C-alpha cells in the first residue's frame, strides 16, 4: 500500500525535522516543528537531503500519488515542503489541503540572499 497516515500529534524538538514519504501521505492530526522542517513527498522515487538547505525532490511517480492534509502542519520559523508525482502520463497526482499549513517567520536585522 505504501501509505502513511497520521491521526495523532507529532512534535519535534526546536529545529527538528519530520518527513513523511510514500505513495500516499495523509495527515488529519497535528504536526509541529518549530524552527525546523516538515516534508511530505508522494511518489515512487523520492530524494530527501537534510544537509544544509533541506531539499525534497520526487523523481519517480507512483500510481495515484496523493498528499492530503486535513489537519494542522506548523513549522514557524522553518519550512514546509510538499511534493507529489504520478506515474507515467497519468494526471492522478493530487495535493489536497483542507487543513492549516503555516511556516510564519518574524525577523529583524540585515540578511543575505542565499
Protein backbone atom coordinates (compact mmCIF):
# COMPACT_ATOMS: atom_id res chain seq x y z
CA UNK A 1 0.00 0.00 0.00
CA UNK A 2 2.93 2.38 0.69
CA UNK A 3 0.70 4.80 2.60
CA UNK A 4 1.47 6.93 5.64
CA UNK A 5 -1.44 8.14 7.78
CA UNK A 6 -1.06 10.44 10.78
CA UNK A 7 -4.09 10.96 13.01
CA UNK A 8 -2.19 11.93 16.16
CA UNK A 9 0.14 14.66 17.40
CA UNK A 10 3.78 14.77 16.36
CA UNK A 11 6.10 17.45 17.80
CA UNK A 12 9.86 17.77 17.26
CA UNK A 13 12.44 19.45 19.42
CA UNK A 14 13.18 23.02 18.21
CA UNK A 15 14.88 22.87 14.80
CA UNK A 16 13.87 19.24 14.24
CA UNK A 17 12.61 17.60 11.06
CA UNK A 18 9.66 15.41 10.16
CA UNK A 19 9.47 13.64 6.79
CA UNK A 20 6.58 11.51 5.51
CA UNK A 21 7.47 9.77 2.24
CA UNK A 22 5.32 7.18 0.46
CA UNK A 23 2.94 6.69 -2.47
CA UNK A 24 0.18 8.23 -0.34
CA UNK A 25 0.70 10.60 2.58
CA UNK A 26 -2.25 11.74 4.69
CA UNK A 27 -2.39 13.93 7.80
CA UNK A 28 -5.52 14.57 9.84
CA UNK A 29 -3.62 15.20 13.06
CA UNK A 30 -1.19 17.88 14.24
CA UNK A 31 2.44 18.14 13.17
CA UNK A 32 4.72 20.80 14.70
CA UNK A 33 8.40 21.51 14.05
CA UNK A 34 9.22 24.98 15.44
CA UNK A 35 12.24 26.35 13.59
CA UNK A 36 12.54 23.07 11.70
CA UNK A 37 11.14 21.32 8.65
CA UNK A 38 8.05 19.32 7.76
CA UNK A 39 8.23 17.44 4.44
CA UNK A 40 5.59 15.37 2.65
CA UNK A 41 6.65 13.51 -0.50
CA UNK A 42 4.36 11.23 -2.53
CA UNK A 43 5.90 9.13 -5.30
CA UNK A 44 7.91 6.01 -6.06
CA UNK A 45 11.40 7.57 -6.06
CA UNK A 46 11.89 10.43 -3.59
CA UNK A 47 15.15 12.15 -2.62
CA UNK A 48 15.42 13.75 0.82
CA UNK A 49 18.51 15.84 1.65
CA UNK A 50 18.76 17.10 5.24
CA UNK A 51 22.23 18.64 4.80
CA UNK A 52 22.35 22.43 4.59
CA UNK A 53 19.18 23.75 3.00
CA UNK A 54 16.60 20.98 3.25
CA UNK A 55 15.56 19.59 -0.12
CA UNK A 56 12.77 17.22 -1.15
CA UNK A 57 12.51 16.01 -4.75
CA UNK A 58 10.10 13.48 -6.22
CA UNK A 59 11.94 11.84 -9.14
CA UNK A 60 9.74 8.82 -9.89
CA UNK A 61 5.97 8.86 -9.91
CA UNK A 62 3.55 6.48 -8.22
CA UNK A 63 0.09 5.45 -9.43
CA UNK A 64 -2.49 7.64 -7.68
CA UNK A 65 0.16 9.63 -5.80
CA UNK A 66 -1.50 11.61 -3.02
CA UNK A 67 -0.63 14.15 -0.33
CA UNK A 68 -3.68 15.10 1.75
CA UNK A 69 -3.79 17.38 4.78
CA UNK A 70 -6.97 17.98 6.73
CA UNK A 71 -5.12 18.62 9.99
CA UNK A 72 -2.55 21.19 11.05
CA UNK A 73 1.07 21.47 9.90
CA UNK A 74 3.18 24.09 11.66
CA UNK A 75 6.85 24.93 11.17
CA UNK A 76 7.03 28.52 12.41
CA UNK A 77 10.50 29.90 11.73
CA UNK A 78 11.15 26.91 9.46
CA UNK A 79 9.97 25.26 6.25
CA UNK A 80 7.08 23.15 4.98
CA UNK A 81 7.75 21.25 1.73
CA UNK A 82 5.03 19.28 -0.10
CA UNK A 83 5.60 17.42 -3.39
CA UNK A 84 3.91 14.63 -5.35
CA UNK A 85 4.33 12.98 -8.75
CA UNK A 86 2.13 10.49 -10.63
CA UNK A 87 3.44 7.57 -12.68
CA UNK A 88 3.63 7.90 -16.48
CA UNK A 89 1.29 10.30 -18.18
CA UNK A 90 -1.48 9.81 -15.65
CA UNK A 91 -2.80 13.05 -14.26
CA UNK A 92 -3.78 11.46 -10.97
CA UNK A 93 -1.34 13.33 -8.73
CA UNK A 94 -3.19 15.14 -6.00
CA UNK A 95 -2.07 17.59 -3.34
CA UNK A 96 -5.20 18.27 -1.33
CA UNK A 97 -5.11 20.71 1.58
CA UNK A 98 -8.27 21.41 3.54
CA UNK A 99 -6.40 21.97 6.79
CA UNK A 100 -3.85 24.50 8.02
CA UNK A 101 -0.25 24.80 6.79
CA UNK A 102 1.90 27.51 8.33
CA UNK A 103 5.56 28.49 8.49
CA UNK A 104 5.48 32.00 9.92
CA UNK A 105 8.71 33.92 10.50
CA UNK A 106 9.42 37.27 12.08
CA UNK A 107 12.97 38.57 11.73
CA UNK A 108 14.81 41.85 12.02
CA UNK A 109 18.30 42.99 11.12
CA UNK A 110 20.30 42.61 7.94
CA UNK A 111 20.11 39.48 5.89
CA UNK A 112 21.89 37.99 2.94
CA UNK A 113 20.47 36.30 -0.14
CA UNK A 114 21.06 32.56 -0.46
